[in-house]
All heavy atoms as atom14 arrays in JSON, in Angstrom:
{
  "sequence": "VVGGYRLQDPTDNSGSDGRAFWRSTDPASGNYDVIYESFEV",
  "atom14_mask": [
    [1, 1, 1, 1, 1, 1, 1, 0, 0, 0, 0, 0, 0, 0],
    [1, 1, 1, 1, 1, 1, 1, 0, 0, 0, 0, 0, 0, 0],
    [1, 1, 1, 1, 0, 0, 0, 0, 0, 0, 0, 0, 0, 0],
    [1, 1, 1, 1, 0, 0, 0, 0, 0, 0, 0, 0, 0, 0],
    [1, 1, 1, 1, 1, 1, 1, 1, 1, 1, 1, 1, 0, 0],
    [1, 1, 1, 1, 1, 1, 1, 1, 1, 1, 1, 0, 0, 0],
    [1, 1, 1, 1, 1, 1, 1, 1, 0, 0, 0, 0, 0, 0],
    [1, 1, 1, 1, 1, 1, 1, 1, 1, 0, 0, 0, 0, 0],
    [1, 1, 1, 1, 1, 1, 1, 1, 0, 0, 0, 0, 0, 0],
    [1, 1, 1, 1, 1, 1, 1, 0, 0, 0, 0, 0, 0, 0],
    [1, 1, 1, 1, 1, 1, 1, 0, 0, 0, 0, 0, 0, 0],
    [1, 1, 1, 1, 1, 1, 1, 1, 0, 0, 0, 0, 0, 0],
    [1, 1, 1, 1, 1, 1, 1, 1, 0, 0, 0, 0, 0, 0],
    [1, 1, 1, 1, 1, 1, 0, 0, 0, 0, 0, 0, 0, 0],
    [1, 1, 1, 1, 0, 0, 0, 0, 0, 0, 0, 0, 0, 0],
    [1, 1, 1, 1, 1, 1, 0, 0, 0, 0, 0, 0, 0, 0],
    [1, 1, 1, 1, 1, 1, 1, 1, 0, 0, 0, 0, 0, 0],
    [1, 1, 1, 1, 0, 0, 0, 0, 0, 0, 0, 0, 0, 0],
    [1, 1, 1, 1, 1, 1, 1, 1, 1, 1, 1, 0, 0, 0],
    [1, 1, 1, 1, 1, 0, 0, 0, 0, 0, 0, 0, 0, 0],
    [1, 1, 1, 1, 1, 1, 1, 1, 1, 1, 1, 0, 0, 0],
    [1, 1, 1, 1, 1, 1, 1, 1, 1, 1, 1, 1, 1, 1],
    [1, 1, 1, 1, 1, 1, 1, 1, 1, 1, 1, 0, 0, 0],
    [1, 1, 1, 1, 1, 1, 0, 0, 0, 0, 0, 0, 0, 0],
    [1, 1, 1, 1, 1, 1, 1, 0, 0, 0, 0, 0, 0, 0],
    [1, 1, 1, 1, 1, 1, 1, 1, 0, 0, 0, 0, 0, 0],
    [1, 1, 1, 1, 1, 1, 1, 0, 0, 0, 0, 0, 0, 0],
    [1, 1, 1, 1, 1, 0, 0, 0, 0, 0, 0, 0, 0, 0],
    [1, 1, 1, 1, 1, 1, 0, 0, 0, 0, 0, 0, 0, 0],
    [1, 1, 1, 1, 0, 0, 0, 0, 0, 0, 0, 0, 0, 0],
    [1, 1, 1, 1, 1, 1, 1, 1, 0, 0, 0, 0, 0, 0],
    [1, 1, 1, 1, 1, 1, 1, 1, 1, 1, 1, 1, 0, 0],
    [1, 1, 1, 1, 1, 1, 1, 1, 0, 0, 0, 0, 0, 0],
    [1, 1, 1, 1, 1, 1, 1, 0, 0, 0, 0, 0, 0, 0],
    [1, 1, 1, 1, 1, 1, 1, 1, 0, 0, 0, 0, 0, 0],
    [1, 1, 1, 1, 1, 1, 1, 1, 1, 1, 1, 1, 0, 0],
    [1, 1, 1, 1, 1, 1, 1, 1, 1, 0, 0, 0, 0, 0],
    [1, 1, 1, 1, 1, 1, 0, 0, 0, 0, 0, 0, 0, 0],
    [1, 1, 1, 1, 1, 1, 1, 1, 1, 1, 1, 0, 0, 0],
    [1, 1, 1, 1, 1, 1, 1, 1, 1, 0, 0, 0, 0, 0],
    [1, 1, 1, 1, 1, 1, 1, 0, 0, 0, 0, 0, 0, 0]
  ],
  "atom14_positions": [
    [[3.58, -6.61, 4.04], [4.4, -5.54, 4.6], [4.19, -5.52, 6.12], [3.15, -5.96, 6.62], [4.01, -4.17, 3.98], [2.74, -3.59, 4.61], [5.15, -3.18, 4.06], [0.0, 0.0, 0.0], [0.0, 0.0, 0.0], [0.0, 0.0, 0.0], [0.0, 0.0, 0.0], [0.0, 0.0, 0.0], [0.0, 0.0, 0.0], [0.0, 0.0, 0.0]],
    [[5.19, -5.0, 6.84], [5.03, -4.69, 8.26], [4.58, -3.23, 8.35], [5.29, -2.35, 7.85], [6.33, -4.91, 9.05], [6.16, -4.46, 10.5], [6.74, -6.38, 9.0], [0.0, 0.0, 0.0], [0.0, 0.0, 0.0], [0.0, 0.0, 0.0], [0.0, 0.0, 0.0], [0.0, 0.0, 0.0], [0.0, 0.0, 0.0], [0.0, 0.0, 0.0]],
    [[3.41, -2.99, 8.94], [2.88, -1.64, 9.01], [2.67, -1.18, 10.43], [2.6, -1.97, 11.37], [0.0, 0.0, 0.0], [0.0, 0.0, 0.0], [0.0, 0.0, 0.0], [0.0, 0.0, 0.0], [0.0, 0.0, 0.0], [0.0, 0.0, 0.0], [0.0, 0.0, 0.0], [0.0, 0.0, 0.0], [0.0, 0.0, 0.0], [0.0, 0.0, 0.0]],
    [[2.58, 0.14, 10.59], [2.3, 0.72, 11.9], [1.03, 1.54, 11.87], [0.55, 1.95, 10.81], [0.0, 0.0, 0.0], [0.0, 0.0, 0.0], [0.0, 0.0, 0.0], [0.0, 0.0, 0.0], [0.0, 0.0, 0.0], [0.0, 0.0, 0.0], [0.0, 0.0, 0.0], [0.0, 0.0, 0.0], [0.0, 0.0, 0.0], [0.0, 0.0, 0.0]],
    [[0.47, 1.79, 13.06], [-0.72, 2.63, 13.17], [-0.61, 3.49, 14.43], [0.13, 3.17, 15.36], [-2.0, 1.77, 13.2], [-2.01, 0.69, 14.26], [-2.42, 0.97, 15.57], [-1.6, -0.6, 13.96], [-2.43, -0.02, 16.54], [-1.61, -1.6, 14.93], [-2.02, -1.31, 16.22], [-2.01, -2.28, 17.18], [0.0, 0.0, 0.0], [0.0, 0.0, 0.0]],
    [[-1.35, 4.61, 14.44], [-1.32, 5.53, 15.6], [-2.6, 6.34, 15.62], [-3.39, 6.33, 14.67], [-0.1, 6.45, 15.49], [-0.1, 7.35, 14.26], [1.02, 8.39, 14.33], [1.04, 9.23, 13.15], [1.85, 9.02, 12.1], [2.69, 8.0, 12.1], [1.8, 9.83, 11.06], [0.0, 0.0, 0.0], [0.0, 0.0, 0.0], [0.0, 0.0, 0.0]],
    [[-2.8, 7.08, 16.72], [-3.98, 7.94, 16.84], [-3.99, 8.98, 15.74], [-2.95, 9.51, 15.33], [-4.0, 8.62, 18.21], [-4.46, 7.76, 19.39], [-4.27, 8.53, 20.7], [-5.93, 7.36, 19.22], [0.0, 0.0, 0.0], [0.0, 0.0, 0.0], [0.0, 0.0, 0.0], [0.0, 0.0, 0.0], [0.0, 0.0, 0.0], [0.0, 0.0, 0.0]],
    [[-5.17, 9.31, 15.28], [-5.33, 10.22, 14.16], [-4.97, 11.65, 14.56], [-5.5, 12.22, 15.51], [-6.78, 10.18, 13.67], [-7.01, 10.9, 12.37], [-8.39, 10.58, 11.81], [-9.23, 10.02, 12.49], [-8.61, 10.92, 10.55], [0.0, 0.0, 0.0], [0.0, 0.0, 0.0], [0.0, 0.0, 0.0], [0.0, 0.0, 0.0], [0.0, 0.0, 0.0]],
    [[-4.01, 12.23, 13.84], [-3.6, 13.62, 14.02], [-2.97, 14.07, 12.7], [-1.88, 13.61, 12.35], [-2.6, 13.76, 15.16], [-2.19, 15.21, 15.42], [-2.37, 16.06, 14.51], [-1.68, 15.49, 16.52], [0.0, 0.0, 0.0], [0.0, 0.0, 0.0], [0.0, 0.0, 0.0], [0.0, 0.0, 0.0], [0.0, 0.0, 0.0], [0.0, 0.0, 0.0]],
    [[-3.62, 14.96, 11.93], [-3.15, 15.29, 10.58], [-1.81, 15.99, 10.54], [-1.21, 16.12, 9.47], [-4.27, 16.19, 10.04], [-4.93, 16.75, 11.25], [-4.86, 15.67, 12.29], [0.0, 0.0, 0.0], [0.0, 0.0, 0.0], [0.0, 0.0, 0.0], [0.0, 0.0, 0.0], [0.0, 0.0, 0.0], [0.0, 0.0, 0.0], [0.0, 0.0, 0.0]],
    [[-1.29, 16.47, 11.67], [0.0, 17.18, 11.66], [1.1, 16.4, 12.36], [2.22, 16.87, 12.46], [-0.14, 18.55, 12.33], [-0.5, 18.36, 13.72], [-1.19, 19.39, 11.65], [0.0, 0.0, 0.0], [0.0, 0.0, 0.0], [0.0, 0.0, 0.0], [0.0, 0.0, 0.0], [0.0, 0.0, 0.0], [0.0, 0.0, 0.0], [0.0, 0.0, 0.0]],
    [[0.79, 15.19, 12.84], [1.75, 14.43, 13.63], [2.21, 13.21, 12.84], [1.41, 12.37, 12.47], [1.12, 13.99, 14.95], [2.06, 13.16, 15.8], [3.28, 13.22, 15.55], [1.58, 12.46, 16.7], [0.0, 0.0, 0.0], [0.0, 0.0, 0.0], [0.0, 0.0, 0.0], [0.0, 0.0, 0.0], [0.0, 0.0, 0.0], [0.0, 0.0, 0.0]],
    [[3.51, 13.13, 12.58], [4.04, 11.94, 11.92], [5.12, 11.3, 12.8], [6.2, 10.95, 12.35], [4.6, 12.27, 10.53], [5.8, 13.2, 10.58], [5.95, 13.96, 11.52], [6.64, 13.14, 9.56], [0.0, 0.0, 0.0], [0.0, 0.0, 0.0], [0.0, 0.0, 0.0], [0.0, 0.0, 0.0], [0.0, 0.0, 0.0], [0.0, 0.0, 0.0]],
    [[4.81, 11.16, 14.08], [5.79, 10.72, 15.06], [5.67, 9.23, 15.38], [5.37, 8.84, 16.5], [5.65, 11.54, 16.35], [4.33, 11.45, 16.85], [0.0, 0.0, 0.0], [0.0, 0.0, 0.0], [0.0, 0.0, 0.0], [0.0, 0.0, 0.0], [0.0, 0.0, 0.0], [0.0, 0.0, 0.0], [0.0, 0.0, 0.0], [0.0, 0.0, 0.0]],
    [[5.86, 8.39, 14.38], [5.95, 6.96, 14.64], [4.61, 6.28, 14.73], [3.65, 6.64, 14.04], [0.0, 0.0, 0.0], [0.0, 0.0, 0.0], [0.0, 0.0, 0.0], [0.0, 0.0, 0.0], [0.0, 0.0, 0.0], [0.0, 0.0, 0.0], [0.0, 0.0, 0.0], [0.0, 0.0, 0.0], [0.0, 0.0, 0.0], [0.0, 0.0, 0.0]],
    [[4.52, 5.27, 15.61], [3.31, 4.45, 15.67], [3.07, 3.99, 17.1], [3.97, 3.94, 17.93], [3.44, 3.24, 14.75], [4.53, 2.43, 15.15], [0.0, 0.0, 0.0], [0.0, 0.0, 0.0], [0.0, 0.0, 0.0], [0.0, 0.0, 0.0], [0.0, 0.0, 0.0], [0.0, 0.0, 0.0], [0.0, 0.0, 0.0], [0.0, 0.0, 0.0]],
    [[1.81, 3.66, 17.39], [1.42, 3.12, 18.69], [1.39, 1.6, 18.69], [1.38, 0.97, 19.74], [0.04, 3.65, 19.09], [0.02, 5.16, 19.24], [1.02, 5.71, 19.73], [-0.98, 5.79, 18.86], [0.0, 0.0, 0.0], [0.0, 0.0, 0.0], [0.0, 0.0, 0.0], [0.0, 0.0, 0.0], [0.0, 0.0, 0.0], [0.0, 0.0, 0.0]],
    [[1.33, 1.01, 17.51], [1.32, -0.44, 17.37], [1.7, -0.82, 15.96], [1.82, 0.03, 15.08], [0.0, 0.0, 0.0], [0.0, 0.0, 0.0], [0.0, 0.0, 0.0], [0.0, 0.0, 0.0], [0.0, 0.0, 0.0], [0.0, 0.0, 0.0], [0.0, 0.0, 0.0], [0.0, 0.0, 0.0], [0.0, 0.0, 0.0], [0.0, 0.0, 0.0]],
    [[1.91, -2.12, 15.77], [2.29, -2.63, 14.46], [1.38, -3.79, 14.07], [0.74, -4.41, 14.93], [3.73, -3.15, 14.45], [4.81, -2.1, 14.61], [6.17, -2.79, 14.56], [7.29, -1.86, 14.72], [8.56, -2.23, 14.71], [8.88, -3.51, 14.55], [9.51, -1.33, 14.86], [0.0, 0.0, 0.0], [0.0, 0.0, 0.0], [0.0, 0.0, 0.0]],
    [[1.37, -4.11, 12.78], [0.64, -5.27, 12.29], [1.34, -5.81, 11.05], [2.03, -5.07, 10.34], [-0.8, -4.91, 11.96], [0.0, 0.0, 0.0], [0.0, 0.0, 0.0], [0.0, 0.0, 0.0], [0.0, 0.0, 0.0], [0.0, 0.0, 0.0], [0.0, 0.0, 0.0], [0.0, 0.0, 0.0], [0.0, 0.0, 0.0], [0.0, 0.0, 0.0]],
    [[1.14, -7.09, 10.81], [1.62, -7.68, 9.55], [0.45, -7.7, 8.59], [-0.57, -8.31, 8.85], [2.15, -9.1, 9.79], [2.82, -9.68, 8.58], [4.15, -9.43, 8.32], [2.1, -10.46, 7.68], [4.78, -9.95, 7.2], [2.71, -10.98, 6.55], [4.05, -10.74, 6.31], [0.0, 0.0, 0.0], [0.0, 0.0, 0.0], [0.0, 0.0, 0.0]],
    [[0.6, -6.98, 7.46], [-0.49, -6.79, 6.51], [-0.28, -7.64, 5.27], [0.85, -7.85, 4.81], [-0.6, -5.33, 6.09], [-0.9, -4.39, 7.21], [-1.52, -4.68, 8.39], [-0.6, -2.98, 7.25], [-1.64, -3.55, 9.17], [-1.07, -2.49, 8.49], [0.02, -2.1, 6.37], [-0.95, -1.16, 8.87], [0.14, -0.76, 6.76], [-0.33, -0.3, 7.98]],
    [[-1.4, -8.07, 4.69], [-1.39, -8.83, 3.43], [-2.43, -8.24, 2.5], [-3.55, -7.93, 2.92], [-1.73, -10.3, 3.71], [-1.98, -11.13, 2.45], [-2.36, -12.57, 2.79], [-3.59, -12.65, 3.57], [-4.1, -13.79, 4.04], [-3.46, -14.93, 3.85], [-5.22, -13.79, 4.73], [0.0, 0.0, 0.0], [0.0, 0.0, 0.0], [0.0, 0.0, 0.0]],
    [[-2.08, -8.09, 1.23], [-3.04, -7.63, 0.22], [-3.07, -8.64, -0.92], [-2.12, -8.76, -1.68], [-2.66, -6.24, -0.32], [-3.59, -5.82, -1.3], [0.0, 0.0, 0.0], [0.0, 0.0, 0.0], [0.0, 0.0, 0.0], [0.0, 0.0, 0.0], [0.0, 0.0, 0.0], [0.0, 0.0, 0.0], [0.0, 0.0, 0.0], [0.0, 0.0, 0.0]],
    [[-4.17, -9.39, -1.01], [-4.3, -10.38, -2.07], [-4.63, -9.74, -3.42], [-4.45, -10.37, -4.47], [-5.39, -11.41, -1.72], [-6.62, -10.71, -1.48], [-5.01, -12.19, -0.47], [0.0, 0.0, 0.0], [0.0, 0.0, 0.0], [0.0, 0.0, 0.0], [0.0, 0.0, 0.0], [0.0, 0.0, 0.0], [0.0, 0.0, 0.0], [0.0, 0.0, 0.0]],
    [[-5.1, -8.49, -3.39], [-5.4, -7.74, -4.62], [-4.83, -6.33, -4.44], [-5.57, -5.38, -4.17], [-6.91, -7.7, -4.87], [-7.27, -6.97, -6.15], [-6.37, -6.74, -6.98], [-8.45, -6.62, -6.31], [0.0, 0.0, 0.0], [0.0, 0.0, 0.0], [0.0, 0.0, 0.0], [0.0, 0.0, 0.0], [0.0, 0.0, 0.0], [0.0, 0.0, 0.0]],
    [[-3.51, -6.18, -4.56], [-2.88, -4.9, -4.22], [-3.4, -3.71, -5.0], [-3.43, -2.6, -4.48], [-1.4, -5.16, -4.52], [-1.23, -6.64, -4.47], [-2.52, -7.2, -4.96], [0.0, 0.0, 0.0], [0.0, 0.0, 0.0], [0.0, 0.0, 0.0], [0.0, 0.0, 0.0], [0.0, 0.0, 0.0], [0.0, 0.0, 0.0], [0.0, 0.0, 0.0]],
    [[-3.8, -3.92, -6.23], [-4.29, -2.79, -7.04], [-5.57, -2.19, -6.48], [-5.9, -1.04, -6.76], [-4.5, -3.24, -8.49], [0.0, 0.0, 0.0], [0.0, 0.0, 0.0], [0.0, 0.0, 0.0], [0.0, 0.0, 0.0], [0.0, 0.0, 0.0], [0.0, 0.0, 0.0], [0.0, 0.0, 0.0], [0.0, 0.0, 0.0], [0.0, 0.0, 0.0]],
    [[-6.28, -2.96, -5.64], [-7.54, -2.47, -5.06], [-7.3, -1.57, -3.85], [-8.2, -0.84, -3.42], [-8.41, -3.64, -4.64], [-7.85, -4.3, -3.51], [0.0, 0.0, 0.0], [0.0, 0.0, 0.0], [0.0, 0.0, 0.0], [0.0, 0.0, 0.0], [0.0, 0.0, 0.0], [0.0, 0.0, 0.0], [0.0, 0.0, 0.0], [0.0, 0.0, 0.0]],
    [[-6.12, -1.66, -3.26], [-5.84, -0.91, -2.05], [-6.39, -1.56, -0.79], [-6.33, -0.97, 0.29], [0.0, 0.0, 0.0], [0.0, 0.0, 0.0], [0.0, 0.0, 0.0], [0.0, 0.0, 0.0], [0.0, 0.0, 0.0], [0.0, 0.0, 0.0], [0.0, 0.0, 0.0], [0.0, 0.0, 0.0], [0.0, 0.0, 0.0], [0.0, 0.0, 0.0]],
    [[-6.93, -2.77, -0.91], [-7.47, -3.48, 0.26], [-6.41, -4.41, 0.84], [-5.62, -5.01, 0.12], [-8.7, -4.28, -0.13], [-9.84, -3.4, -0.57], [-10.05, -2.32, -0.01], [-10.58, -3.83, -1.59], [0.0, 0.0, 0.0], [0.0, 0.0, 0.0], [0.0, 0.0, 0.0], [0.0, 0.0, 0.0], [0.0, 0.0, 0.0], [0.0, 0.0, 0.0]],
    [[-6.42, -4.55, 2.17], [-5.48, -5.45, 2.82], [-6.1, -5.94, 4.12], [-7.08, -5.38, 4.62], [-4.14, -4.75, 3.08], [-4.2, -3.47, 3.88], [-3.93, -3.47, 5.25], [-4.5, -2.25, 3.27], [-3.96, -2.3, 5.99], [-4.54, -1.08, 4.0], [-4.27, -1.1, 5.36], [-4.31, 0.06, 6.1], [0.0, 0.0, 0.0], [0.0, 0.0, 0.0]],
    [[-5.53, -7.03, 4.66], [-6.02, -7.58, 5.91], [-4.85, -7.74, 6.88], [-3.69, -7.55, 6.51], [-6.77, -8.9, 5.7], [-5.89, -10.0, 5.11], [-4.91, -9.69, 4.42], [-6.19, -11.18, 5.33], [0.0, 0.0, 0.0], [0.0, 0.0, 0.0], [0.0, 0.0, 0.0], [0.0, 0.0, 0.0], [0.0, 0.0, 0.0], [0.0, 0.0, 0.0]],
    [[-5.17, -8.07, 8.12], [-4.18, -8.21, 9.18], [-3.97, -9.69, 9.47], [-4.93, -10.42, 9.71], [-4.63, -7.48, 10.46], [-3.69, -7.8, 11.62], [-4.67, -5.98, 10.23], [0.0, 0.0, 0.0], [0.0, 0.0, 0.0], [0.0, 0.0, 0.0], [0.0, 0.0, 0.0], [0.0, 0.0, 0.0], [0.0, 0.0, 0.0], [0.0, 0.0, 0.0]],
    [[-2.71, -10.12, 9.46], [-2.38, -11.51, 9.8], [-2.14, -11.64, 11.31], [-2.66, -12.55, 11.95], [-1.16, -11.99, 9.01], [-1.43, -11.89, 7.51], [-0.79, -13.41, 9.41], [-2.63, -12.7, 7.04], [0.0, 0.0, 0.0], [0.0, 0.0, 0.0], [0.0, 0.0, 0.0], [0.0, 0.0, 0.0], [0.0, 0.0, 0.0], [0.0, 0.0, 0.0]],
    [[-1.36, -10.74, 11.9], [-1.24, -10.66, 13.36], [-0.79, -9.26, 13.7], [-0.33, -8.51, 12.83], [-0.32, -11.74, 13.93], [1.16, -11.45, 13.86], [1.85, -11.0, 14.98], [1.88, -11.64, 12.68], [3.21, -10.74, 14.92], [3.23, -11.4, 12.62], [3.9, -10.95, 13.74], [5.24, -10.69, 13.69], [0.0, 0.0, 0.0], [0.0, 0.0, 0.0]],
    [[-0.92, -8.86, 14.98], [-0.67, -7.47, 15.33], [-0.23, -7.31, 16.78], [-0.29, -8.25, 17.58], [-1.93, -6.65, 15.09], [-3.13, -7.11, 15.89], [-4.43, -6.43, 15.47], [-4.36, -5.35, 14.87], [-5.5, -6.99, 15.75], [0.0, 0.0, 0.0], [0.0, 0.0, 0.0], [0.0, 0.0, 0.0], [0.0, 0.0, 0.0], [0.0, 0.0, 0.0]],
    [[0.25, -6.1, 17.09], [0.6, -5.75, 18.47], [-0.6, -5.96, 19.38], [-1.75, -5.76, 18.98], [1.04, -4.29, 18.55], [2.22, -4.07, 17.82], [0.0, 0.0, 0.0], [0.0, 0.0, 0.0], [0.0, 0.0, 0.0], [0.0, 0.0, 0.0], [0.0, 0.0, 0.0], [0.0, 0.0, 0.0], [0.0, 0.0, 0.0], [0.0, 0.0, 0.0]],
    [[-0.31, -6.38, 20.6], [-1.29, -6.57, 21.67], [-2.16, -7.81, 21.48], [-3.05, -8.06, 22.29], [-2.15, -5.31, 21.87], [-1.34, -4.05, 21.87], [-1.5, -3.1, 20.86], [-0.39, -3.81, 22.85], [-0.73, -1.95, 20.84], [0.38, -2.66, 22.83], [0.21, -1.72, 21.84], [0.0, 0.0, 0.0], [0.0, 0.0, 0.0], [0.0, 0.0, 0.0]],
    [[-1.89, -8.58, 20.44], [-2.56, -9.86, 20.27], [-1.95, -10.86, 21.26], [-0.73, -10.88, 21.46], [-2.38, -10.36, 18.84], [-3.06, -11.69, 18.54], [-2.92, -12.08, 17.07], [-2.63, -11.2, 16.23], [-3.12, -13.27, 16.78], [0.0, 0.0, 0.0], [0.0, 0.0, 0.0], [0.0, 0.0, 0.0], [0.0, 0.0, 0.0], [0.0, 0.0, 0.0]],
    [[-2.8, -11.67, 21.89], [-2.32, -12.68, 22.84], [-2.1, -14.0, 22.1], [-3.03, -14.53, 21.47], [-3.3, -12.88, 24.0], [-2.82, -13.97, 24.93], [-3.48, -11.56, 24.76], [0.0, 0.0, 0.0], [0.0, 0.0, 0.0], [0.0, 0.0, 0.0], [0.0, 0.0, 0.0], [0.0, 0.0, 0.0], [0.0, 0.0, 0.0], [0.0, 0.0, 0.0]]
  ]
}
Protein backbone atom coordinates (compact mmCIF):
# COMPACT_ATOMS: atom_id res chain seq x y z
CA VAL A 1 0.00 0.00 0.00
CA VAL A 2 0.99 3.66 -0.35
CA GLY A 3 0.77 5.14 3.15
CA GLY A 4 1.14 8.52 4.78
CA TYR A 5 2.41 9.69 8.16
CA ARG A 6 2.22 12.93 10.19
CA LEU A 7 2.95 14.40 13.61
CA GLN A 8 0.95 12.83 16.40
CA ASP A 9 -2.25 14.72 17.26
CA PRO A 10 -5.33 12.68 18.36
CA THR A 11 -7.80 15.29 17.04
CA ASP A 12 -6.12 16.16 13.74
CA ASN A 13 -6.82 14.16 10.59
CA SER A 14 -5.47 16.72 8.13
CA GLY A 15 -3.46 14.67 5.66
CA SER A 16 0.19 13.71 5.96
CA ASP A 17 3.69 15.17 6.22
CA GLY A 18 5.27 12.38 4.18
CA ARG A 19 4.55 9.15 2.37
CA ALA A 20 6.03 5.66 2.18
CA PHE A 21 5.52 2.49 0.20
CA TRP A 22 4.65 -0.23 2.71
CA ARG A 23 4.85 -4.02 2.44
CA SER A 24 3.42 -6.62 4.82
CA THR A 25 4.69 -10.17 4.29
CA ASP A 26 2.38 -11.39 7.09
CA PRO A 27 -0.65 -9.09 6.93
CA ALA A 28 -2.59 -10.89 9.66
CA SER A 29 0.16 -9.90 12.13
CA GLY A 30 -0.25 -6.19 11.49
CA ASN A 31 3.49 -5.84 10.85
CA TYR A 32 4.87 -4.05 7.79
CA ASP A 33 8.10 -2.55 6.50
CA VAL A 34 9.09 0.42 4.33
CA ILE A 35 10.39 -0.10 0.79
CA TYR A 36 11.03 3.60 0.07
CA GLU A 37 9.73 6.89 1.45
CA SER A 38 9.55 10.67 1.23
CA PHE A 39 12.83 12.53 1.79
CA GLU A 40 14.89 9.49 0.82
CA VAL A 41 17.82 10.44 -1.45
